[in-house]
Amino acid sequence: MCALFRCYSWRYKIIAFYHIDGMAGWEVTWNGGDGWKAEHSALGCRPFKEANPEAKDDACWTTSYGLCMKKQTIDLEFAGIVGDYLDDQRPEIRVTEWCGSRYDAGSEYHLLVRLLNSDLETVDKREVTKTLPADGQWHKVEKAFIIYGPGVRFIEYSHGGKDTCYWAGHFGVKITCSSVTVATGSGQDSSSSS
């Protein structure tokens, strides 16, 4: 299952997304080509555990020849992070995930993370767009919000892509181990799962 809350000595992991949940909790915004697919073993590329030995398995989401995008909106106060803390301390917010392509097909990868206020208006955003060669390799993507305005209450996490060959099936970008962490300095150590 997907670990929703995990506290570390100085970071509060809000949410970690894993393949075994399929599309649970996600809103599919583009489902082009043959759509999204959860793979139990990343087909056509290097095993993920070789790129990241800490990985639980080699599973991932994969896209098709038409653009596939999905998003999830995280309520920070529901996750236990008080608005006053966010406004006064403006803790570092870090997003991390891994993307890869197959050996036989290149891919396009897109990530958009927006910090939103209570009216769901953008306070700040980070965006990554990459064209990955047909090399079967995994790439770690990491973006941090260090300086941002007041009023952040939600995080909208959106990612996806497609293959560059326009082949039927699921030859597009592979995505796994997506996570969002917020620095707390709390020293807490607790966890919850869904």
N, C-alpha and C. Protein backbone atom coordinates (compact mmCIF):
# COMPACT_ATOMS: atom_id res chain seq x y z
N MET A 1 0.82 -1.20 0.00
CA MET A 1 0.00 0.00 0.00
C MET A 1 0.87 1.26 0.00
N CYS A 2 0.25 2.35 -0.28
CA CYS A 2 0.94 3.63 -0.39
C CYS A 2 1.11 4.25 0.99
N ALA A 3 2.34 4.56 1.36
CA ALA A 3 2.60 5.21 2.65
C ALA A 3 2.17 6.67 2.53
N LEU A 4 1.18 7.05 3.30
CA LEU A 4 0.70 8.43 3.22
C LEU A 4 1.47 9.38 4.12
N PHE A 5 1.76 8.97 5.34
CA PHE A 5 2.44 9.86 6.27
C PHE A 5 3.65 9.13 6.85
N ARG A 6 4.79 9.77 6.83
CA ARG A 6 5.96 9.21 7.48
C ARG A 6 6.81 10.36 7.95
N CYS A 7 7.12 10.37 9.24
CA CYS A 7 7.95 11.43 9.80
C CYS A 7 9.38 10.93 9.93
N TYR A 8 10.31 11.78 9.58
CA TYR A 8 11.72 11.49 9.75
C TYR A 8 12.28 12.54 10.69
N SER A 9 13.54 12.47 11.01
CA SER A 9 14.11 13.38 11.99
C SER A 9 13.90 14.84 11.62
N TRP A 10 13.92 15.17 10.34
CA TRP A 10 13.71 16.56 9.98
C TRP A 10 12.81 16.74 8.77
N ARG A 11 12.20 15.67 8.32
CA ARG A 11 11.31 15.76 7.16
C ARG A 11 10.00 15.05 7.47
N TYR A 12 8.95 15.57 6.92
CA TYR A 12 7.63 14.97 7.04
C TYR A 12 7.24 14.52 5.66
N LYS A 13 7.25 13.22 5.43
CA LYS A 13 6.89 12.72 4.10
C LYS A 13 5.37 12.68 4.05
N ILE A 14 4.83 13.49 3.18
CA ILE A 14 3.39 13.61 3.09
C ILE A 14 2.80 12.43 2.35
N ILE A 15 3.36 12.15 1.21
CA ILE A 15 2.76 11.09 0.42
C ILE A 15 3.82 10.49 -0.50
N ALA A 16 3.72 9.20 -0.63
CA ALA A 16 4.58 8.50 -1.58
C ALA A 16 3.66 7.69 -2.47
N PHE A 17 3.87 7.76 -3.75
CA PHE A 17 3.00 7.10 -4.70
C PHE A 17 3.67 5.85 -5.24
N TYR A 18 2.99 4.74 -5.21
CA TYR A 18 3.55 3.50 -5.73
C TYR A 18 2.58 2.87 -6.71
N HIS A 19 3.11 2.07 -7.60
CA HIS A 19 2.35 1.43 -8.66
C HIS A 19 1.24 0.54 -8.15
N ILE A 20 1.43 -0.11 -6.99
CA ILE A 20 0.48 -1.13 -6.55
C ILE A 20 -0.89 -0.55 -6.26
N ASP A 21 -0.95 0.75 -6.13
CA ASP A 21 -2.23 1.42 -5.92
C ASP A 21 -2.94 1.70 -7.25
N GLY A 22 -2.30 1.32 -8.36
CA GLY A 22 -2.88 1.61 -9.67
C GLY A 22 -3.07 3.10 -9.83
N MET A 23 -4.28 3.52 -10.11
CA MET A 23 -4.58 4.94 -10.27
C MET A 23 -5.35 5.48 -9.06
N ALA A 24 -5.43 4.72 -7.98
CA ALA A 24 -6.16 5.16 -6.78
C ALA A 24 -5.62 6.51 -6.31
N GLY A 25 -6.53 7.45 -6.11
CA GLY A 25 -6.18 8.77 -5.63
C GLY A 25 -5.74 9.74 -6.71
N TRP A 26 -5.62 9.27 -7.93
CA TRP A 26 -5.19 10.11 -9.04
C TRP A 26 -6.37 10.49 -9.92
N GLU A 27 -6.30 11.67 -10.48
CA GLU A 27 -7.25 12.10 -11.50
C GLU A 27 -6.50 12.06 -12.83
N VAL A 28 -6.93 11.18 -13.72
CA VAL A 28 -6.31 11.09 -15.04
C VAL A 28 -6.83 12.27 -15.87
N THR A 29 -5.92 13.15 -16.30
CA THR A 29 -6.32 14.34 -17.04
C THR A 29 -6.11 14.18 -18.55
N TRP A 30 -5.20 13.31 -18.97
CA TRP A 30 -5.00 12.95 -20.37
C TRP A 30 -4.73 11.46 -20.39
N ASN A 31 -5.42 10.75 -21.27
CA ASN A 31 -5.28 9.30 -21.35
C ASN A 31 -5.11 8.91 -22.83
N GLY A 32 -4.13 9.54 -23.47
CA GLY A 32 -3.93 9.37 -24.90
C GLY A 32 -3.40 8.00 -25.29
N GLY A 33 -3.45 7.73 -26.58
CA GLY A 33 -2.97 6.45 -27.09
C GLY A 33 -3.74 5.31 -26.47
N ASP A 34 -3.02 4.37 -25.90
CA ASP A 34 -3.65 3.25 -25.20
C ASP A 34 -3.75 3.50 -23.70
N GLY A 35 -3.49 4.73 -23.26
CA GLY A 35 -3.69 5.13 -21.87
C GLY A 35 -2.59 4.70 -20.92
N TRP A 36 -2.83 4.99 -19.65
CA TRP A 36 -1.91 4.64 -18.57
C TRP A 36 -1.96 3.14 -18.31
N LYS A 37 -0.85 2.63 -17.77
CA LYS A 37 -0.79 1.22 -17.36
C LYS A 37 0.18 1.10 -16.18
N ALA A 38 -0.19 0.28 -15.20
CA ALA A 38 0.72 -0.05 -14.10
C ALA A 38 1.40 -1.37 -14.45
N GLU A 39 2.74 -1.36 -14.45
CA GLU A 39 3.51 -2.57 -14.76
C GLU A 39 4.13 -3.11 -13.48
N HIS A 40 4.01 -4.40 -13.23
CA HIS A 40 4.60 -5.01 -12.04
C HIS A 40 6.12 -5.11 -12.17
N SER A 41 6.60 -5.16 -13.39
CA SER A 41 8.02 -5.16 -13.68
C SER A 41 8.20 -4.24 -14.89
N ALA A 42 9.06 -3.26 -14.76
CA ALA A 42 9.25 -2.28 -15.82
C ALA A 42 9.74 -2.97 -17.09
N LEU A 43 8.87 -3.06 -18.08
CA LEU A 43 9.19 -3.79 -19.31
C LEU A 43 10.08 -2.97 -20.24
N GLY A 44 11.07 -3.63 -20.82
CA GLY A 44 11.90 -3.01 -21.84
C GLY A 44 12.96 -2.06 -21.33
N CYS A 45 13.25 -2.08 -20.04
CA CYS A 45 14.28 -1.19 -19.53
C CYS A 45 15.04 -1.86 -18.38
N ARG A 46 16.07 -1.21 -17.94
CA ARG A 46 16.90 -1.69 -16.84
C ARG A 46 16.01 -1.88 -15.60
N PRO A 47 16.21 -2.96 -14.83
CA PRO A 47 15.43 -3.12 -13.59
C PRO A 47 15.64 -1.91 -12.67
N PHE A 48 14.56 -1.40 -12.12
CA PHE A 48 14.63 -0.19 -11.31
C PHE A 48 15.51 -0.38 -10.08
N LYS A 49 15.50 -1.57 -9.50
CA LYS A 49 16.32 -1.82 -8.31
C LYS A 49 17.81 -1.64 -8.58
N GLU A 50 18.25 -1.77 -9.83
CA GLU A 50 19.65 -1.52 -10.16
C GLU A 50 19.97 -0.03 -10.09
N ALA A 51 19.03 0.81 -10.46
CA ALA A 51 19.22 2.26 -10.41
C ALA A 51 19.05 2.78 -8.99
N ASN A 52 18.13 2.18 -8.24
CA ASN A 52 17.83 2.61 -6.88
C ASN A 52 17.71 1.38 -5.98
N PRO A 53 18.82 0.96 -5.35
CA PRO A 53 18.81 -0.24 -4.52
C PRO A 53 17.81 -0.20 -3.35
N GLU A 54 17.35 1.01 -2.97
CA GLU A 54 16.39 1.13 -1.87
C GLU A 54 14.96 0.87 -2.32
N ALA A 55 14.75 0.67 -3.62
CA ALA A 55 13.40 0.46 -4.15
C ALA A 55 12.80 -0.84 -3.62
N LYS A 56 11.49 -0.83 -3.43
CA LYS A 56 10.77 -2.01 -2.95
C LYS A 56 10.65 -3.07 -4.03
N ASP A 57 10.55 -2.63 -5.29
CA ASP A 57 10.37 -3.55 -6.41
C ASP A 57 10.70 -2.83 -7.71
N ASP A 58 10.44 -3.48 -8.83
CA ASP A 58 10.74 -2.92 -10.14
C ASP A 58 9.50 -2.38 -10.85
N ALA A 59 8.42 -2.20 -10.15
CA ALA A 59 7.16 -1.79 -10.76
C ALA A 59 7.14 -0.29 -11.07
N CYS A 60 6.24 0.08 -11.99
CA CYS A 60 6.13 1.48 -12.38
C CYS A 60 4.81 1.72 -13.10
N TRP A 61 4.53 2.99 -13.38
CA TRP A 61 3.46 3.36 -14.29
C TRP A 61 4.11 3.58 -15.64
N THR A 62 3.38 3.36 -16.71
CA THR A 62 3.91 3.64 -18.04
C THR A 62 2.83 4.28 -18.91
N THR A 63 3.30 5.04 -19.90
CA THR A 63 2.40 5.78 -20.77
C THR A 63 2.40 5.17 -22.17
N SER A 64 1.68 5.79 -23.07
CA SER A 64 1.48 5.26 -24.41
C SER A 64 1.96 6.27 -25.46
N TYR A 65 1.52 6.12 -26.69
CA TYR A 65 1.96 6.99 -27.79
C TYR A 65 1.26 8.34 -27.82
N GLY A 66 0.14 8.47 -27.13
CA GLY A 66 -0.52 9.77 -26.97
C GLY A 66 -0.25 10.28 -25.57
N LEU A 67 -0.31 11.57 -25.38
CA LEU A 67 0.00 12.15 -24.08
C LEU A 67 -0.87 11.54 -22.98
N CYS A 68 -0.24 11.12 -21.90
CA CYS A 68 -0.90 10.60 -20.70
C CYS A 68 -0.45 11.47 -19.53
N MET A 69 -1.38 12.06 -18.81
CA MET A 69 -1.08 12.89 -17.64
C MET A 69 -2.06 12.53 -16.53
N LYS A 70 -1.59 12.60 -15.28
CA LYS A 70 -2.47 12.43 -14.13
C LYS A 70 -2.01 13.36 -13.03
N LYS A 71 -2.94 13.70 -12.14
CA LYS A 71 -2.58 14.62 -11.06
C LYS A 71 -3.24 14.20 -9.77
N GLN A 72 -2.68 14.72 -8.69
CA GLN A 72 -3.24 14.51 -7.37
C GLN A 72 -3.04 15.80 -6.58
N THR A 73 -4.07 16.22 -5.85
CA THR A 73 -3.97 17.42 -5.02
C THR A 73 -3.89 16.99 -3.57
N ILE A 74 -2.84 17.46 -2.89
CA ILE A 74 -2.55 17.08 -1.51
C ILE A 74 -2.96 18.25 -0.61
N ASP A 75 -3.81 17.98 0.36
CA ASP A 75 -4.25 18.96 1.35
C ASP A 75 -3.24 18.93 2.50
N LEU A 76 -2.41 19.96 2.62
CA LEU A 76 -1.34 19.95 3.62
C LEU A 76 -1.88 19.98 5.05
N GLU A 77 -2.95 20.72 5.29
CA GLU A 77 -3.50 20.76 6.65
C GLU A 77 -4.11 19.41 7.00
N PHE A 78 -4.76 18.75 6.07
CA PHE A 78 -5.29 17.41 6.31
C PHE A 78 -4.15 16.44 6.62
N ALA A 79 -3.00 16.66 5.99
CA ALA A 79 -1.82 15.82 6.22
C ALA A 79 -1.15 16.14 7.56
N GLY A 80 -1.65 17.16 8.28
CA GLY A 80 -1.12 17.45 9.60
C GLY A 80 -0.13 18.59 9.66
N ILE A 81 0.00 19.34 8.59
CA ILE A 81 0.93 20.47 8.58
C ILE A 81 0.11 21.75 8.69
N VAL A 82 0.23 22.42 9.81
CA VAL A 82 -0.59 23.57 10.17
C VAL A 82 -0.26 24.77 9.28
N GLY A 83 -1.30 25.49 8.88
CA GLY A 83 -1.13 26.64 8.01
C GLY A 83 -0.21 27.70 8.57
N ASP A 84 -0.30 27.95 9.89
CA ASP A 84 0.58 28.95 10.51
C ASP A 84 2.05 28.56 10.36
N TYR A 85 2.33 27.27 10.51
CA TYR A 85 3.70 26.78 10.34
C TYR A 85 4.17 27.03 8.90
N LEU A 86 3.31 26.72 7.95
CA LEU A 86 3.67 26.93 6.54
C LEU A 86 3.92 28.41 6.25
N ASP A 87 3.09 29.29 6.82
CA ASP A 87 3.23 30.73 6.58
C ASP A 87 4.44 31.32 7.30
N ASP A 88 4.65 30.92 8.55
CA ASP A 88 5.72 31.50 9.36
C ASP A 88 7.10 30.93 9.03
N GLN A 89 7.18 29.62 8.87
CA GLN A 89 8.47 28.96 8.67
C GLN A 89 8.83 28.77 7.20
N ARG A 90 7.83 28.67 6.36
CA ARG A 90 8.04 28.38 4.93
C ARG A 90 9.07 27.26 4.76
N PRO A 91 8.74 26.06 5.27
CA PRO A 91 9.69 24.95 5.21
C PRO A 91 9.96 24.51 3.78
N GLU A 92 11.11 23.90 3.59
CA GLU A 92 11.43 23.36 2.27
C GLU A 92 10.43 22.27 1.91
N ILE A 93 9.93 22.32 0.69
CA ILE A 93 9.05 21.29 0.15
C ILE A 93 9.79 20.68 -1.03
N ARG A 94 9.99 19.37 -0.98
CA ARG A 94 10.78 18.69 -2.01
C ARG A 94 9.94 17.60 -2.67
N VAL A 95 10.00 17.56 -4.00
CA VAL A 95 9.33 16.50 -4.76
C VAL A 95 10.41 15.68 -5.46
N THR A 96 10.22 14.37 -5.46
CA THR A 96 11.18 13.46 -6.06
C THR A 96 10.43 12.35 -6.77
N GLU A 97 10.93 11.94 -7.91
CA GLU A 97 10.44 10.74 -8.57
C GLU A 97 11.50 10.28 -9.57
N TRP A 98 11.29 9.10 -10.11
CA TRP A 98 12.19 8.53 -11.10
C TRP A 98 11.43 8.34 -12.40
N CYS A 99 12.10 8.63 -13.53
CA CYS A 99 11.50 8.39 -14.83
C CYS A 99 12.51 7.65 -15.71
N GLY A 100 12.00 6.90 -16.65
CA GLY A 100 12.88 6.14 -17.52
C GLY A 100 12.22 5.84 -18.85
N SER A 101 13.03 5.33 -19.74
CA SER A 101 12.52 4.95 -21.06
C SER A 101 12.94 3.52 -21.36
N ARG A 102 12.36 2.99 -22.40
CA ARG A 102 12.70 1.64 -22.85
C ARG A 102 13.99 1.67 -23.67
N TYR A 103 14.56 0.49 -23.89
CA TYR A 103 15.74 0.36 -24.76
C TYR A 103 15.39 0.63 -26.22
N ASP A 104 14.14 0.36 -26.60
CA ASP A 104 13.75 0.44 -28.00
C ASP A 104 12.89 1.65 -28.36
N ALA A 105 12.59 2.52 -27.41
CA ALA A 105 11.74 3.68 -27.70
C ALA A 105 12.08 4.83 -26.75
N GLY A 106 12.34 5.98 -27.33
CA GLY A 106 12.53 7.17 -26.51
C GLY A 106 11.20 7.66 -25.97
N SER A 107 11.25 8.63 -25.05
CA SER A 107 10.01 9.12 -24.47
C SER A 107 10.12 10.57 -24.06
N GLU A 108 8.96 11.18 -23.90
CA GLU A 108 8.86 12.53 -23.34
C GLU A 108 8.33 12.40 -21.92
N TYR A 109 8.89 13.18 -21.01
CA TYR A 109 8.50 13.17 -19.61
C TYR A 109 8.11 14.58 -19.20
N HIS A 110 7.02 14.68 -18.43
CA HIS A 110 6.55 15.98 -17.94
C HIS A 110 6.22 15.87 -16.45
N LEU A 111 6.65 16.88 -15.69
CA LEU A 111 6.31 17.00 -14.27
C LEU A 111 5.94 18.46 -14.02
N LEU A 112 4.81 18.66 -13.36
CA LEU A 112 4.39 20.00 -12.95
C LEU A 112 3.91 19.90 -11.52
N VAL A 113 4.55 20.64 -10.62
CA VAL A 113 4.14 20.69 -9.22
C VAL A 113 3.82 22.13 -8.89
N ARG A 114 2.60 22.34 -8.39
CA ARG A 114 2.16 23.69 -8.03
C ARG A 114 1.83 23.76 -6.56
N LEU A 115 2.32 24.79 -5.89
CA LEU A 115 1.91 25.11 -4.52
C LEU A 115 0.69 26.01 -4.65
N LEU A 116 -0.40 25.63 -3.98
CA LEU A 116 -1.67 26.35 -4.12
C LEU A 116 -2.11 26.94 -2.79
N ASN A 117 -2.84 28.06 -2.85
CA ASN A 117 -3.43 28.65 -1.65
C ASN A 117 -4.81 28.03 -1.40
N SER A 118 -5.52 28.54 -0.42
CA SER A 118 -6.82 27.96 -0.05
C SER A 118 -7.87 28.11 -1.15
N ASP A 119 -7.66 29.06 -2.08
CA ASP A 119 -8.56 29.23 -3.22
C ASP A 119 -8.08 28.44 -4.44
N LEU A 120 -7.08 27.58 -4.24
CA LEU A 120 -6.47 26.75 -5.29
C LEU A 120 -5.81 27.58 -6.39
N GLU A 121 -5.31 28.77 -6.01
CA GLU A 121 -4.56 29.62 -6.92
C GLU A 121 -3.07 29.32 -6.73
N THR A 122 -2.30 29.42 -7.80
CA THR A 122 -0.88 29.10 -7.76
C THR A 122 -0.08 30.14 -6.99
N VAL A 123 0.69 29.67 -6.00
CA VAL A 123 1.61 30.51 -5.24
C VAL A 123 3.01 30.38 -5.86
N ASP A 124 3.37 29.17 -6.26
CA ASP A 124 4.66 28.90 -6.88
C ASP A 124 4.55 27.58 -7.65
N LYS A 125 5.47 27.34 -8.57
CA LYS A 125 5.42 26.09 -9.32
C LYS A 125 6.82 25.70 -9.78
N ARG A 126 6.99 24.41 -10.04
CA ARG A 126 8.20 23.86 -10.64
C ARG A 126 7.76 22.95 -11.77
N GLU A 127 8.49 23.03 -12.87
CA GLU A 127 8.13 22.25 -14.04
C GLU A 127 9.38 21.62 -14.64
N VAL A 128 9.25 20.37 -15.09
CA VAL A 128 10.34 19.67 -15.76
C VAL A 128 9.76 19.03 -17.01
N THR A 129 10.44 19.22 -18.14
CA THR A 129 10.11 18.53 -19.37
C THR A 129 11.41 17.98 -19.93
N LYS A 130 11.43 16.68 -20.20
CA LYS A 130 12.64 16.03 -20.69
C LYS A 130 12.28 15.11 -21.85
N THR A 131 13.19 15.02 -22.81
CA THR A 131 13.11 13.98 -23.83
C THR A 131 14.16 12.95 -23.46
N LEU A 132 13.72 11.72 -23.23
CA LEU A 132 14.63 10.65 -22.81
C LEU A 132 14.97 9.78 -24.02
N PRO A 133 16.26 9.46 -24.21
CA PRO A 133 16.65 8.61 -25.34
C PRO A 133 16.22 7.16 -25.10
N ALA A 134 16.27 6.38 -26.14
CA ALA A 134 15.93 4.95 -26.06
C ALA A 134 17.14 4.19 -25.51
N ASP A 135 17.40 4.38 -24.21
CA ASP A 135 18.57 3.73 -23.60
C ASP A 135 18.23 2.82 -22.42
N GLY A 136 16.95 2.75 -22.05
CA GLY A 136 16.53 1.87 -20.96
C GLY A 136 16.97 2.30 -19.58
N GLN A 137 17.41 3.54 -19.43
CA GLN A 137 17.96 4.02 -18.15
C GLN A 137 16.91 4.78 -17.33
N TRP A 138 17.13 4.82 -16.02
CA TRP A 138 16.30 5.56 -15.07
C TRP A 138 16.99 6.86 -14.71
N HIS A 139 16.21 7.91 -14.47
CA HIS A 139 16.72 9.23 -14.11
C HIS A 139 15.95 9.74 -12.90
N LYS A 140 16.68 10.18 -11.88
CA LYS A 140 16.04 10.76 -10.70
C LYS A 140 15.72 12.22 -10.98
N VAL A 141 14.48 12.61 -10.69
CA VAL A 141 14.04 14.00 -10.86
C VAL A 141 13.73 14.54 -9.47
N GLU A 142 14.30 15.68 -9.15
CA GLU A 142 14.10 16.27 -7.83
C GLU A 142 13.97 17.77 -7.97
N LYS A 143 12.94 18.33 -7.36
CA LYS A 143 12.73 19.77 -7.37
C LYS A 143 12.39 20.21 -5.95
N ALA A 144 12.90 21.38 -5.56
CA ALA A 144 12.65 21.89 -4.21
C ALA A 144 12.03 23.29 -4.28
N PHE A 145 11.13 23.53 -3.34
CA PHE A 145 10.58 24.86 -3.12
C PHE A 145 11.22 25.35 -1.83
N ILE A 146 12.08 26.35 -1.93
CA ILE A 146 12.79 26.85 -0.74
C ILE A 146 12.27 28.23 -0.37
N ILE A 147 12.09 29.08 -1.36
CA ILE A 147 11.56 30.43 -1.13
C ILE A 147 10.24 30.52 -1.90
N TYR A 148 9.15 30.71 -1.17
CA TYR A 148 7.84 30.84 -1.79
C TYR A 148 6.97 31.73 -0.92
N GLY A 149 5.89 32.21 -1.49
CA GLY A 149 5.01 33.14 -0.81
C GLY A 149 4.15 32.49 0.26
N PRO A 150 3.44 33.31 1.04
CA PRO A 150 2.57 32.79 2.10
C PRO A 150 1.27 32.22 1.53
N GLY A 151 0.58 31.47 2.35
CA GLY A 151 -0.75 30.99 2.00
C GLY A 151 -0.80 29.60 1.41
N VAL A 152 0.32 28.91 1.31
CA VAL A 152 0.32 27.57 0.72
C VAL A 152 -0.49 26.62 1.60
N ARG A 153 -1.47 25.94 0.99
CA ARG A 153 -2.31 24.99 1.71
C ARG A 153 -2.45 23.65 0.98
N PHE A 154 -2.12 23.65 -0.32
CA PHE A 154 -2.25 22.44 -1.13
C PHE A 154 -1.03 22.31 -2.04
N ILE A 155 -0.77 21.07 -2.45
CA ILE A 155 0.23 20.80 -3.48
C ILE A 155 -0.48 20.01 -4.58
N GLU A 156 -0.39 20.50 -5.80
CA GLU A 156 -0.93 19.76 -6.94
C GLU A 156 0.26 19.14 -7.67
N TYR A 157 0.24 17.81 -7.75
CA TYR A 157 1.34 17.02 -8.32
C TYR A 157 0.83 16.39 -9.61
N SER A 158 1.45 16.74 -10.73
CA SER A 158 0.99 16.26 -12.03
C SER A 158 2.18 15.74 -12.82
N HIS A 159 2.03 14.56 -13.41
CA HIS A 159 3.12 14.01 -14.21
C HIS A 159 2.60 13.12 -15.32
N GLY A 160 3.50 12.81 -16.27
CA GLY A 160 3.13 11.94 -17.38
C GLY A 160 4.08 12.07 -18.53
N GLY A 161 3.58 11.72 -19.72
CA GLY A 161 4.39 11.80 -20.92
C GLY A 161 3.85 10.90 -22.01
N LYS A 162 4.74 10.49 -22.91
CA LYS A 162 4.37 9.62 -24.03
C LYS A 162 5.65 9.09 -24.66
N ASP A 163 5.50 8.16 -25.60
CA ASP A 163 6.70 7.71 -26.32
C ASP A 163 6.94 8.63 -27.50
N THR A 164 8.14 8.57 -28.06
CA THR A 164 8.48 9.43 -29.19
C THR A 164 8.40 8.69 -30.52
N CYS A 165 7.98 7.42 -30.50
CA CYS A 165 7.89 6.62 -31.73
C CYS A 165 6.46 6.49 -32.24
N TYR A 166 5.49 6.85 -31.39
CA TYR A 166 4.07 6.74 -31.72
C TYR A 166 3.67 5.29 -32.02
N TRP A 167 4.18 4.36 -31.21
CA TRP A 167 3.86 2.95 -31.35
C TRP A 167 2.66 2.61 -30.49
N ALA A 168 1.75 1.81 -31.00
CA ALA A 168 0.61 1.33 -30.21
C ALA A 168 1.15 0.52 -29.03
N GLY A 169 0.44 0.56 -27.92
CA GLY A 169 0.87 -0.15 -26.72
C GLY A 169 1.40 0.83 -25.69
N HIS A 170 2.30 0.36 -24.85
CA HIS A 170 2.82 1.15 -23.73
C HIS A 170 4.34 1.24 -23.81
N PHE A 171 4.82 2.06 -24.74
CA PHE A 171 6.25 2.25 -24.97
C PHE A 171 6.72 3.61 -24.47
N GLY A 172 5.85 4.33 -23.74
CA GLY A 172 6.16 5.68 -23.27
C GLY A 172 6.98 5.71 -22.00
N VAL A 173 7.08 6.91 -21.44
CA VAL A 173 7.87 7.12 -20.23
C VAL A 173 7.36 6.24 -19.10
N LYS A 174 8.30 5.78 -18.28
CA LYS A 174 7.99 5.00 -17.08
C LYS A 174 8.27 5.89 -15.88
N ILE A 175 7.38 5.83 -14.88
CA ILE A 175 7.49 6.70 -13.70
C ILE A 175 7.29 5.85 -12.46
N THR A 176 8.13 6.09 -11.44
CA THR A 176 7.98 5.35 -10.19
C THR A 176 8.55 6.15 -9.01
N CYS A 177 8.24 5.72 -7.83
CA CYS A 177 8.75 6.29 -6.56
C CYS A 177 8.56 7.80 -6.46
N SER A 178 7.37 8.27 -6.76
CA SER A 178 7.05 9.69 -6.62
C SER A 178 6.81 10.00 -5.15
N SER A 179 7.36 11.13 -4.67
CA SER A 179 7.14 11.49 -3.27
C SER A 179 7.20 13.00 -3.08
N VAL A 180 6.59 13.44 -1.99
CA VAL A 180 6.61 14.84 -1.57
C VAL A 180 7.02 14.85 -0.10
N THR A 181 8.02 15.66 0.25
CA THR A 181 8.42 15.79 1.65
C THR A 181 8.43 17.26 2.04
N VAL A 182 8.10 17.50 3.31
CA VAL A 182 8.11 18.85 3.86
C VAL A 182 9.02 18.83 5.08
N ALA A 183 9.99 19.74 5.13
CA ALA A 183 10.90 19.83 6.27
C ALA A 183 10.13 20.30 7.49
N THR A 184 10.34 19.62 8.63
CA THR A 184 9.65 20.04 9.85
C THR A 184 10.60 20.32 11.00
N GLY A 185 11.73 19.64 11.06
CA GLY A 185 12.63 19.82 12.20
C GLY A 185 12.04 19.29 13.48
N SER A 186 10.99 18.43 13.39
CA SER A 186 10.25 18.01 14.56
C SER A 186 10.89 16.86 15.32
N GLY A 187 11.68 16.03 14.63
CA GLY A 187 12.26 14.87 15.28
C GLY A 187 11.26 13.78 15.55
N GLN A 188 10.05 13.88 15.03
CA GLN A 188 9.02 12.86 15.23
C GLN A 188 9.38 11.60 14.46
N ASP A 189 8.81 10.50 14.85
CA ASP A 189 8.99 9.27 14.11
C ASP A 189 7.71 8.47 14.19
N SER A 190 6.81 8.71 13.24
CA SER A 190 5.56 7.97 13.20
C SER A 190 5.18 7.75 11.76
N SER A 191 4.28 6.83 11.52
CA SER A 191 3.87 6.57 10.15
C SER A 191 2.42 6.12 10.11
N SER A 192 1.81 6.29 8.94
CA SER A 192 0.45 5.84 8.70
C SER A 192 0.36 5.41 7.25
N SER A 193 -0.46 4.45 6.94
CA SER A 193 -0.60 3.96 5.59
C SER A 193 -2.06 3.93 5.19
N SER A 194 -2.28 3.92 3.87
CA SER A 194 -3.63 3.72 3.38
C SER A 194 -3.62 2.60 2.38
